[in-house]
Protein backbone atom coordinates (compact mmCIF):
# COMPACT_ATOMS: atom_id res chain seq x y z
CA MET A 1 95.24 82.85 102.83
CA ASN A 2 94.94 85.31 99.96
CA THR A 3 97.58 88.05 100.05
CA GLY A 4 94.98 90.74 99.38
CA ARG A 5 94.44 93.04 96.40
CA PRO A 6 97.11 95.49 95.13
CA ILE A 7 96.68 99.22 95.66
CA ASP A 8 95.55 100.95 92.46
CA HIS A 9 95.58 104.54 93.69
CA ILE A 10 94.59 107.08 96.29
CA VAL A 11 92.14 109.94 95.74
CA LEU A 12 93.66 113.09 97.21
CA ALA A 13 90.90 115.69 97.50
CA VAL A 14 92.08 119.31 97.29
CA HIS A 15 90.43 122.73 97.20
CA ASP A 16 92.41 124.05 94.23
CA LEU A 17 93.78 121.60 91.68
CA ASP A 18 96.18 124.08 90.08
CA ALA A 19 97.66 125.05 93.45
CA ALA A 20 97.95 121.43 94.59
CA ALA A 21 99.58 120.45 91.28
CA ALA A 22 102.18 123.15 91.83
CA VAL A 23 102.90 121.73 95.30
CA TYR A 24 103.36 118.20 93.95
CA GLN A 25 105.48 119.35 91.03
CA GLU A 26 107.70 121.22 93.50
CA LEU A 27 108.00 117.91 95.40
CA GLY A 28 109.41 116.37 92.21
CA PHE A 29 106.36 114.62 90.73
CA THR A 30 105.52 114.53 87.03
CA LEU A 31 101.77 115.06 86.56
CA THR A 32 99.42 114.26 83.70
CA PRO A 33 97.52 117.17 82.11
CA ARG A 34 94.29 118.31 83.79
CA ALA A 35 91.35 116.02 82.93
CA THR A 36 87.66 116.60 83.55
CA HIS A 37 85.17 113.95 84.67
CA GLU A 38 81.50 113.83 83.75
CA ASP A 39 79.23 116.49 85.30
CA ARG A 40 77.53 113.84 87.48
CA MET A 41 80.92 113.33 89.15
CA GLY A 42 81.63 117.07 89.37
CA THR A 43 85.40 116.62 89.50
CA SER A 44 88.66 117.16 87.63
CA ASN A 45 92.06 115.59 88.27
CA ARG A 46 95.76 115.39 87.61
CA ILE A 47 97.67 112.16 88.20
CA ALA A 48 101.14 111.11 89.33
CA GLN A 49 101.62 107.65 87.76
CA PHE A 50 104.26 105.24 89.03
CA ALA A 51 106.23 102.53 87.28
CA GLY A 52 104.92 100.06 89.87
CA LYS A 53 101.43 100.49 88.35
CA ASN A 54 99.66 102.63 90.90
CA PHE A 55 99.18 106.37 91.25
CA ILE A 56 98.13 109.46 93.17
CA GLU A 57 94.96 111.09 91.84
CA ILE A 58 94.87 114.75 92.83
CA LEU A 59 91.20 115.71 92.65
CA GLU A 60 89.23 118.96 92.79
CA VAL A 61 85.43 119.12 93.10
CA ASP A 62 85.13 121.94 90.58
CA ARG A 63 81.40 121.55 89.74
CA PRO A 64 79.77 120.80 93.10
CA ASP A 65 76.38 122.03 91.90
CA LYS A 66 76.30 119.43 89.10
CA LEU A 67 77.49 116.27 90.86
CA GLU A 68 75.03 113.48 91.61
CA PRO A 69 74.78 113.04 95.40
CA HIS A 70 74.70 109.82 97.40
CA ASP A 71 71.36 108.02 97.22
CA PHE A 72 71.34 105.19 99.72
CA SER A 73 67.58 104.68 99.33
CA LYS A 74 68.07 103.17 95.86
CA GLU A 75 68.41 99.43 95.33
CA PRO A 76 71.28 98.89 94.96
CA PRO A 77 72.27 102.14 96.71
CA PHE A 78 74.15 104.81 94.75
CA PHE A 79 77.52 106.04 96.02
CA SER A 80 78.68 109.45 94.81
CA PHE A 81 82.32 109.62 93.73
CA GLY A 82 82.34 113.41 93.84
CA GLY A 83 80.12 113.60 96.89
CA GLN A 84 82.60 111.68 99.02
CA SER A 85 85.41 114.12 98.27
CA LYS A 86 83.09 117.13 98.61
CA ALA A 87 82.18 116.04 102.14
CA LEU A 88 85.83 115.68 103.13
CA LEU A 89 86.71 119.08 101.71
CA GLU A 90 84.14 120.73 103.93
CA GLU A 91 86.51 119.79 106.77
CA ARG A 92 90.00 119.58 105.24
CA GLU A 93 92.11 118.41 102.32
CA GLY A 94 93.36 114.83 102.27
CA ILE A 95 92.72 111.30 101.02
CA SER A 96 89.01 110.69 100.58
CA MET A 97 89.21 107.17 99.11
CA LEU A 98 91.61 104.26 98.81
CA VAL A 99 91.36 102.29 95.58
CA PHE A 100 92.27 98.68 94.84
CA ALA A 101 93.00 97.19 91.40
CA GLY A 102 90.30 95.08 89.80
CA GLU A 103 89.48 93.21 86.60
CA ASP A 104 85.72 92.71 87.05
CA ALA A 105 83.78 95.33 89.00
CA HIS A 106 80.58 93.31 89.04
CA ALA A 107 82.35 90.21 90.37
CA ASP A 108 83.88 92.36 93.13
CA ALA A 109 80.43 93.70 94.04
CA ALA A 110 79.23 90.11 94.41
CA ARG A 111 82.32 89.29 96.46
CA PHE A 112 81.66 92.19 98.82
CA ASN A 113 78.03 91.16 99.25
CA ALA A 114 79.05 87.58 100.03
CA ALA A 115 81.57 88.82 102.62
CA GLY A 116 79.06 91.13 104.30
CA VAL A 117 80.88 94.25 103.13
CA PRO A 118 78.46 97.15 102.43
CA THR A 119 78.58 97.89 98.70
CA TYR A 120 76.80 99.94 96.07
CA GLU A 121 75.74 100.15 92.45
CA VAL A 122 78.65 99.59 90.06
CA PHE A 123 79.59 102.96 88.55
CA ASP A 124 80.76 103.13 84.92
CA PHE A 125 82.27 106.25 83.41
CA ASP A 126 84.48 107.56 80.62
CA ARG A 127 86.67 110.62 80.40
CA LYS A 128 89.04 112.20 77.92
CA ALA A 129 92.79 111.91 78.47
CA ARG A 130 95.71 113.51 76.67
CA LEU A 131 98.62 111.27 75.76
CA PRO A 132 102.26 112.41 76.11
CA GLY A 133 102.36 113.18 72.37
CA GLY A 134 99.29 115.40 72.61
CA ASP A 135 96.63 113.07 71.15
CA GLU A 136 93.29 112.94 72.97
CA VAL A 137 91.78 109.52 73.76
CA THR A 138 88.93 108.14 75.85
CA VAL A 139 89.70 106.15 79.00
CA SER A 140 86.99 104.08 80.69
CA PHE A 141 86.51 102.70 84.20
CA SER A 142 84.08 100.69 86.33
CA LEU A 143 84.04 101.29 90.09
CA THR A 144 82.75 99.14 92.94
CA PHE A 145 82.52 101.05 96.23
CA ALA A 146 82.69 99.69 99.78
CA THR A 147 82.29 101.37 103.16
CA SER A 148 82.43 100.46 106.83
CA PRO A 149 79.94 101.93 109.35
CA ASP A 150 82.89 102.21 111.74
CA MET A 151 84.82 104.41 109.25
CA PRO A 152 82.20 106.97 108.15
CA GLU A 153 84.64 109.59 106.86
CA ILE A 154 86.48 107.37 104.39
CA ALA A 155 85.63 104.96 101.58
CA PHE A 156 87.17 102.28 99.43
CA PHE A 157 86.57 101.17 95.88
CA VAL A 158 87.83 98.77 93.25
CA CYS A 159 88.77 100.29 89.89
CA GLN A 160 88.43 98.22 86.73
CA ASN A 161 90.42 100.03 84.05
CA ARG A 162 88.67 99.25 80.76
CA ALA A 163 91.23 101.02 78.53
CA PRO A 164 94.64 100.38 80.14
CA GLN A 165 96.44 100.77 76.80
CA TYR A 166 95.64 104.49 76.89
CA PHE A 167 96.20 105.02 80.60
CA TRP A 168 99.62 103.70 81.61
CA LYS A 169 102.40 105.65 79.90
CA PRO A 170 106.13 105.45 80.77
CA GLU A 171 106.57 109.14 79.96
CA PHE A 172 104.31 110.02 82.91
CA GLN A 173 106.13 107.63 85.26
CA GLN A 174 109.50 109.40 85.35
CA HIS A 175 109.74 111.57 88.47
CA GLU A 176 112.54 113.88 89.54
CA ASN A 177 112.11 112.59 93.11
CA GLY A 178 112.65 108.97 91.98
CA ALA A 179 109.19 107.75 93.07
CA GLN A 180 108.45 104.18 91.98
CA VAL A 181 105.30 102.84 93.67
CA ILE A 182 102.92 103.41 96.57
CA CYS A 183 103.85 100.62 98.97
CA ALA A 184 101.63 101.60 101.91
CA VAL A 185 98.65 103.75 102.84
CA TYR A 186 98.23 104.92 106.44
CA ILE A 187 94.99 105.24 108.42
CA ALA A 188 94.74 106.72 111.90
CA SER A 189 92.10 104.92 113.97
CA PRO A 190 91.19 104.54 117.65
CA ASP A 191 90.66 100.80 116.96
CA PRO A 192 93.26 99.47 114.50
CA ALA A 193 92.32 95.82 115.03
CA ARG A 194 88.65 96.43 114.19
CA ASP A 195 89.40 98.40 111.02
CA ALA A 196 92.15 96.03 109.88
CA ALA A 197 89.63 93.17 110.13
CA PHE A 198 87.23 95.04 107.83
CA ILE A 199 89.89 95.81 105.22
CA SER A 200 91.09 92.22 105.36
CA ARG A 201 87.55 90.96 104.76
CA MET A 202 87.36 92.73 101.40
CA PHE A 203 90.16 90.69 99.79
CA ASP A 204 91.42 88.23 102.42
CA GLY A 205 94.57 90.21 103.10
CA GLU A 206 96.68 88.85 105.95
CA VAL A 207 96.65 90.97 109.11
CA SER A 208 99.85 91.43 111.10
CA GLY A 209 100.92 93.51 114.07
CA ILE A 210 103.16 96.55 113.63
CA ASP A 211 104.39 99.21 116.04
CA GLY A 212 101.37 101.29 116.96
CA GLY A 213 98.75 99.23 115.18
CA LYS A 214 98.00 96.67 112.48
CA ALA A 215 98.90 96.10 108.81
CA VAL A 216 96.81 94.43 106.10
CA ALA A 217 98.62 92.86 103.14
CA CYS A 218 97.58 94.27 99.74
CA GLY A 219 99.35 92.20 97.13
CA ALA A 220 103.09 91.67 96.96
CA GLY A 221 105.00 94.29 98.93
CA GLN A 222 102.02 96.56 99.66
CA GLU A 223 99.85 97.08 102.72
CA VAL A 224 97.39 99.31 104.52
CA ARG A 225 98.79 100.34 107.90
CA ILE A 226 96.25 101.26 110.57
CA LEU A 227 97.83 103.17 113.46
CA THR A 228 96.50 104.69 116.63
CA PRO A 229 96.25 108.48 116.38
CA GLU A 230 99.19 108.77 118.78
CA ALA A 231 101.36 106.51 116.61
CA ALA A 232 100.37 108.42 113.48
CA MET A 233 101.38 111.73 115.07
CA GLU A 234 104.75 110.21 115.99
CA ARG A 235 105.35 109.74 112.25
CA ASP A 236 104.18 113.26 111.41
CA SER A 237 103.92 115.90 114.13
CA SER A 238 102.00 118.22 111.76
CA LEU A 239 98.94 115.96 112.07
CA LYS A 240 96.25 117.19 114.45
CA LEU A 241 94.39 114.15 115.76
CA THR A 242 92.60 113.14 118.94
CA SER A 243 92.73 109.74 120.61
CA GLU A 244 89.06 109.08 119.73
CA CYS A 245 89.01 110.58 116.23
CA SER A 246 86.98 108.93 113.50
CA PRO A 247 89.28 106.83 111.26
CA VAL A 248 90.99 108.98 108.62
CA PHE A 249 93.62 108.48 105.94
CA VAL A 250 96.78 110.32 106.98
CA GLY A 251 99.63 109.35 104.68
CA ILE A 252 101.36 107.09 102.20
CA ALA A 253 104.72 105.40 101.81
CA LEU A 254 106.46 105.65 98.42
CA THR A 255 109.47 103.71 97.28
CA SER A 256 112.06 105.94 95.66
CA ARG A 257 115.53 105.79 94.16
CA GLU A 258 116.40 109.01 95.99
CA PRO A 259 116.89 109.28 99.79
CA ARG A 260 114.46 111.79 101.29
CA VAL A 261 113.05 112.66 104.70
CA THR A 262 109.32 112.30 105.32
CA THR A 263 107.25 115.07 103.75
CA PRO A 264 104.76 116.25 106.41
CA ALA A 265 101.03 116.50 105.74
CA ALA A 266 101.24 120.27 106.12
CA ALA A 267 103.47 120.37 103.02
CA ALA A 268 101.61 117.82 100.86
CA CYS A 269 97.92 118.81 100.87
CA GLY A 270 96.89 116.89 103.97
CA ILE A 271 98.91 113.65 103.78
CA PHE A 272 102.43 112.79 104.85
CA ILE A 273 104.70 111.05 102.35
CA GLU A 274 107.16 108.57 103.78
CA TRP A 275 110.01 107.87 101.37
CA ILE A 276 111.43 104.32 101.28
CA GLU A 277 114.79 104.22 99.50
CA ILE A 278 115.42 101.30 97.15
CA SER A 279 118.63 100.40 95.38
């Protein structure tokens, strides 16, 4: 069985990018400079890159009047990157999308269709990025989205990085808190087995049982952990969930060279951060 696809990043939707950046810098993260997406996306971001080649994207919907909304009547249907985060922010801050690494967005769209995974038009975009030395370059991406009707508040996509030589920079991967890589993403769900089966279907990730739910393998040493709401609240008492809540992303696990206690969602813009010490 395939081991699944590695985690590329999470999209952490926030109301105020500057305020959220200050929170994450206080937590010991090094962030890239503010970058602005195209108007049709309506968003800007700052990123915490990790040496293990994934990252946290802190995202603000700063031009909601300009973003292109979902259009599911099109063929293929159009999924709105900014619209997904905008909808979440009407309720709360937190992870709006989980992203997997990819090398061919169109091939992944075909894969999803063959597996019966609802997918959408491949989305190509460019944006400007500032390198550690101050030079401005263009980075380019292609995205293939996927959703489950049983998880209406969250989404997934595959990110094909078409200019990796400009994106990954060691200078941005040195963090005071010792963070190395996202090794797990947590979902709270009233039906962990059902939602684990869907995530597994995307990339044939092996499903296993864990305390309070299920885990889906996502490449070597990474997984998505789907917990019951009760089990999620045992990990972070600041979460406010009900036993029948719609599935939501609630946290991540980060490997780190520094021992730390779990950062609660109330102190990290809507997600808990579990710190896994490595030698």
